Amino acid sequence: MYTDVVTDTQSATRRILVVDDQSIIRSLLEEVLAQKGYTVITASNGKDALEAVRQGGLPDLAVLDIMLPGMDGFAVANQLENFGDIPIIFLSALTDLSTKVEGLSKYAEDYVTKPFSNTELVARIQRILARTPARASSAPGEVVIDDNLRINFEIRFAVLNGDKVRLTPIESELLRVLYSYRGQVVLFETLIEEVWGADSQPSLKSLQIHISRLRTKIEPSPDIPRYIVTVHDQGYVMPYQTG
């Protein structure tokens, strides 16, 4: 379960993800950061945090606990990198030097130990965001793939170079699954099962037809796809766009 709190001030364009299994910490940071004008998304575990990012796009900054149920904060940070660049602050009760060094060297911009000062944490967040460009704002359910393509999974449409195109439910779901595994190959059978379900699976040929039609809607050059790339005899991948 994750929540999204929005304020009406100018800073609300900056979105901060807070992931901590302690509800008192989440509530405290939600209140403190909202008072500073930030949009705050909270999650109690890594799975919900990643789902929040899949649904709402990558935030401007993440504050992560390390000792989380399921996947730990390092694993969450590693998964967040699959969505794009995001500055991370670890907020943890772990004070040993080796953990700090691992966190800072591999994933994080900063490391704050618990118990912590609200004022100090906010100052560290503001310092990082001051040198980080704001992400392009998007509508609810919308993700920005690159400067040319945006997808809204909630109301099922894509915008390619300013032109809005409608997506069928199957097309929208295909894109959602590929986006959730962005940068990774999604096997044919995995894609079929996640989109159609285990009880009603179409043929590989049917999947290929849906992908072909989808490419005509979102690819600038459908014969040379850049958003949905075929991996021979394996599946499809939605690569990260570098330009």
Protein backbone atom coordinates (compact mmCIF):
# COMPACT_ATOMS: atom_id res chain seq x y z
CA MET A 1 0.00 0.00 0.00
CA TYR A 2 1.35 3.40 -0.93
CA THR A 3 -0.07 6.90 -0.57
CA ASP A 4 0.43 10.12 -2.51
CA VAL A 5 0.02 13.47 -0.73
CA VAL A 6 -0.01 16.62 -2.86
CA THR A 7 0.22 20.25 -1.77
CA ASP A 8 -0.80 23.34 -3.73
CA THR A 9 2.43 25.29 -3.38
CA GLN A 10 5.00 25.87 -6.09
CA SER A 11 7.29 23.12 -4.74
CA ALA A 12 4.60 20.51 -5.34
CA THR A 13 6.17 19.80 -8.74
CA ARG A 14 9.01 18.09 -6.85
CA ARG A 15 7.97 14.59 -5.83
CA ILE A 16 9.63 12.70 -3.00
CA LEU A 17 9.26 8.97 -2.36
CA VAL A 18 9.55 7.91 1.30
CA VAL A 19 9.94 4.19 1.98
CA ASP A 20 9.99 3.05 5.61
CA ASP A 21 8.29 0.18 7.42
CA GLN A 22 7.62 2.35 10.48
CA SER A 23 4.32 4.20 10.09
CA ILE A 24 5.41 6.90 12.54
CA ILE A 25 8.42 7.73 10.35
CA ARG A 26 6.31 7.82 7.18
CA SER A 27 3.69 10.05 8.80
CA LEU A 28 6.32 12.39 10.22
CA LEU A 29 8.17 12.83 6.93
CA GLU A 30 4.90 13.12 5.02
CA GLU A 31 3.86 16.01 7.25
CA VAL A 32 7.24 17.75 7.35
CA LEU A 33 7.86 17.53 3.61
CA ALA A 34 4.30 18.48 2.67
CA GLN A 35 4.68 21.60 4.82
CA LYS A 36 7.69 22.48 2.66
CA GLY A 37 5.53 22.19 -0.44
CA TYR A 38 6.62 18.81 -1.77
CA THR A 39 4.44 16.07 -3.17
CA VAL A 40 5.05 13.05 -0.93
CA ILE A 41 4.58 9.41 -1.91
CA THR A 42 4.96 6.89 0.92
CA ALA A 43 5.33 3.12 0.96
CA SER A 44 5.98 0.63 3.75
CA ASN A 45 7.98 -1.85 1.67
CA GLY A 46 9.97 -2.14 -1.51
CA LYS A 47 7.30 -3.91 -3.55
CA ASP A 48 4.77 -1.14 -2.96
CA ALA A 49 7.40 1.53 -3.59
CA LEU A 50 8.26 0.07 -6.99
CA GLU A 51 4.57 -0.27 -7.86
CA ALA A 52 4.08 3.41 -6.99
CA VAL A 53 6.86 4.31 -9.42
CA ARG A 54 5.42 2.07 -12.13
CA GLN A 55 2.02 3.73 -11.71
CA GLY A 56 3.09 7.33 -11.23
CA GLY A 57 6.54 7.63 -12.76
CA LEU A 58 9.92 8.25 -11.22
CA PRO A 59 9.94 10.85 -8.41
CA ASP A 60 12.58 13.56 -8.03
CA LEU A 61 14.16 11.98 -4.94
CA ALA A 62 13.78 8.91 -2.72
CA VAL A 63 14.31 8.57 1.02
CA LEU A 64 14.84 4.87 1.74
CA ASP A 65 15.12 2.85 4.91
CA ILE A 66 17.52 -0.07 4.56
CA MET A 67 15.94 -2.66 6.86
CA LEU A 68 12.70 -3.16 4.95
CA PRO A 69 10.49 -6.27 4.88
CA GLY A 70 11.00 -8.37 1.77
CA MET A 71 13.65 -6.61 -0.28
CA ASP A 72 16.01 -4.33 1.62
CA GLY A 73 16.75 -0.70 0.81
CA PHE A 74 19.78 -1.57 -1.30
CA ALA A 75 17.66 -3.88 -3.47
CA VAL A 76 14.99 -1.19 -3.81
CA ALA A 77 17.63 1.35 -4.85
CA ASN A 78 18.97 -1.09 -7.41
CA GLN A 79 15.47 -1.61 -8.86
CA LEU A 80 14.77 2.12 -8.93
CA GLU A 81 17.80 2.55 -11.19
CA ASN A 82 15.93 0.49 -13.79
CA PHE A 83 13.46 3.37 -14.12
CA GLY A 84 16.11 6.06 -14.56
CA ASP A 85 18.40 8.33 -12.57
CA ILE A 86 17.09 9.28 -9.14
CA PRO A 87 18.96 10.78 -6.17
CA ILE A 88 18.60 8.64 -3.05
CA ILE A 89 19.03 9.36 0.65
CA PHE A 90 19.28 6.35 2.93
CA LEU A 91 17.60 6.90 6.31
CA SER A 92 18.61 4.02 8.55
CA ALA A 93 19.31 2.87 12.08
CA LEU A 94 22.36 1.02 10.73
CA THR A 95 25.41 2.99 11.76
CA ASP A 96 28.29 0.67 10.87
CA LEU A 97 30.84 2.10 8.49
CA SER A 98 30.69 -0.78 5.98
CA THR A 99 26.95 -0.29 5.41
CA LYS A 100 27.38 3.45 4.97
CA VAL A 101 30.22 2.98 2.51
CA GLU A 102 28.25 0.42 0.50
CA GLY A 103 25.19 2.66 0.35
CA LEU A 104 27.08 5.79 -0.62
CA SER A 105 29.42 4.13 -3.09
CA LYS A 106 26.75 2.17 -4.97
CA TYR A 107 23.46 4.02 -4.75
CA ALA A 108 23.00 7.08 -2.58
CA GLU A 109 23.73 10.79 -2.59
CA ASP A 110 23.53 10.89 1.20
CA TYR A 111 23.15 8.71 4.30
CA VAL A 112 21.32 9.86 7.44
CA THR A 113 21.21 7.76 10.61
CA LYS A 114 18.25 7.35 12.96
CA PRO A 115 17.34 9.05 15.22
CA PHE A 116 17.50 12.08 12.95
CA SER A 117 16.76 15.79 12.92
CA ASN A 118 13.84 16.83 10.71
CA THR A 119 15.53 20.14 9.99
CA GLU A 120 18.78 18.48 8.97
CA LEU A 121 17.07 15.93 6.72
CA VAL A 122 15.02 18.62 4.97
CA ALA A 123 18.17 20.68 4.45
CA ARG A 124 19.92 17.69 2.86
CA ILE A 125 16.92 17.05 0.60
CA GLN A 126 16.79 20.70 -0.45
CA ARG A 127 20.51 20.74 -1.17
CA ILE A 128 20.23 17.73 -3.48
CA LEU A 129 17.10 18.97 -5.25
CA ALA A 130 18.63 22.41 -5.75
CA ARG A 131 21.16 20.87 -8.14
CA THR A 132 18.76 18.36 -9.69
CA PRO A 133 16.49 19.46 -12.57
CA ALA A 134 12.78 18.95 -11.93
CA ARG A 135 11.19 16.14 -13.89
CA ALA A 136 8.58 17.00 -16.47
CA SER A 137 5.16 16.96 -14.84
CA SER A 138 2.69 14.36 -15.99
CA ALA A 139 -0.98 13.57 -15.58
CA PRO A 140 -2.17 10.87 -13.14
CA GLY A 141 -1.30 7.44 -14.51
CA GLU A 142 1.05 8.94 -17.10
CA VAL A 143 4.70 8.05 -17.57
CA VAL A 144 7.24 9.92 -19.67
CA ILE A 145 9.31 7.54 -21.78
CA ASP A 146 11.39 10.28 -23.39
CA ASP A 147 10.92 13.72 -24.95
CA ASN A 148 8.87 12.20 -27.77
CA LEU A 149 6.63 9.63 -26.08
CA ARG A 150 4.30 9.69 -23.08
CA ILE A 151 1.93 6.90 -22.07
CA ASN A 152 -1.13 7.13 -19.85
CA PHE A 153 -2.08 3.68 -18.57
CA GLU A 154 -5.07 4.98 -16.60
CA ILE A 155 -7.11 6.26 -19.54
CA ARG A 156 -5.25 4.31 -22.22
CA PHE A 157 -3.62 6.68 -24.65
CA ALA A 158 -0.14 7.59 -25.85
CA VAL A 159 1.24 10.91 -27.04
CA LEU A 160 3.90 10.59 -29.75
CA ASN A 161 5.51 13.85 -30.88
CA GLY A 162 2.45 15.76 -29.69
CA ASP A 163 -0.08 13.49 -31.45
CA LYS A 164 -2.49 11.64 -29.17
CA VAL A 165 -3.37 8.04 -30.05
CA ARG A 166 -5.85 5.73 -28.37
CA LEU A 167 -4.74 2.37 -27.04
CA THR A 168 -6.86 -0.75 -26.72
CA PRO A 169 -6.97 -2.41 -23.28
CA ILE A 170 -4.59 -5.12 -24.51
CA GLU A 171 -2.17 -2.58 -26.00
CA SER A 172 -2.15 -0.53 -22.81
CA GLU A 173 -1.51 -3.63 -20.72
CA LEU A 174 1.30 -4.78 -23.01
CA LEU A 175 2.98 -1.41 -22.59
CA ARG A 176 2.44 -1.45 -18.83
CA VAL A 177 4.15 -4.82 -18.46
CA LEU A 178 7.04 -3.88 -20.75
CA TYR A 179 7.47 -0.59 -18.89
CA SER A 180 7.46 -2.35 -15.51
CA TYR A 181 10.39 -4.48 -16.73
CA ARG A 182 12.05 -1.58 -18.55
CA GLY A 183 15.55 -2.41 -19.70
CA GLN A 184 14.95 -6.14 -19.19
CA VAL A 185 13.89 -8.78 -21.68
CA VAL A 186 10.31 -9.94 -21.07
CA LEU A 187 9.93 -13.50 -22.32
CA PHE A 188 7.08 -14.21 -24.71
CA GLU A 189 5.41 -16.56 -22.24
CA THR A 190 5.80 -14.09 -19.37
CA LEU A 191 4.23 -11.29 -21.38
CA ILE A 192 1.33 -13.50 -22.47
CA GLU A 193 0.63 -14.69 -18.92
CA GLU A 194 0.82 -11.21 -17.37
CA VAL A 195 -1.42 -9.61 -20.00
CA TRP A 196 -3.99 -12.33 -20.66
CA GLY A 197 -3.72 -14.41 -17.48
CA ALA A 198 -2.89 -18.06 -16.99
CA ASP A 199 -6.40 -19.27 -17.87
CA SER A 200 -6.74 -17.57 -21.27
CA GLN A 201 -3.50 -17.56 -23.20
CA PRO A 202 -3.37 -16.64 -26.90
CA SER A 203 -0.83 -17.97 -29.35
CA LEU A 204 2.57 -16.42 -29.93
CA LYS A 205 1.31 -15.33 -33.35
CA SER A 206 -1.54 -13.42 -31.72
CA LEU A 207 0.92 -11.66 -29.41
CA GLN A 208 3.09 -10.70 -32.37
CA ILE A 209 0.07 -9.22 -34.18
CA HIS A 210 -0.82 -7.09 -31.16
CA ILE A 211 2.79 -5.89 -30.87
CA SER A 212 2.88 -5.06 -34.58
CA ARG A 213 -0.29 -2.97 -34.31
CA LEU A 214 1.02 -1.28 -31.18
CA ARG A 215 4.23 -0.33 -32.94
CA THR A 216 2.27 1.46 -35.66
CA LYS A 217 0.84 3.69 -32.92
CA ILE A 218 3.89 4.50 -30.80
CA GLU A 219 6.94 3.96 -33.00
CA PRO A 220 8.21 6.82 -35.22
CA SER A 221 9.46 4.09 -37.58
CA PRO A 222 7.56 0.84 -36.88
CA ASP A 223 9.96 -1.19 -39.05
CA ILE A 224 12.90 0.03 -36.94
CA PRO A 225 11.39 -0.02 -33.44
CA ARG A 226 13.07 1.81 -30.58
CA TYR A 227 10.43 1.48 -27.84
CA ILE A 228 9.47 -2.19 -28.28
CA VAL A 229 12.47 -4.16 -29.48
CA THR A 230 12.34 -7.84 -30.38
CA VAL A 231 14.94 -10.12 -28.81
CA HIS A 232 15.17 -13.06 -31.20
CA ASP A 233 13.51 -16.25 -29.94
CA GLN A 234 13.13 -14.77 -26.45
CA GLY A 235 10.74 -11.85 -26.10
CA TYR A 236 10.59 -8.07 -26.13
CA VAL A 237 12.36 -5.28 -24.30
CA MET A 238 11.55 -1.61 -23.76
CA PRO A 239 15.05 -0.07 -23.66
CA TYR A 240 15.99 3.08 -21.81
CA GLN A 241 16.13 6.01 -24.22
CA THR A 242 19.38 7.96 -24.27
CA GLY A 243 18.52 10.50 -26.90
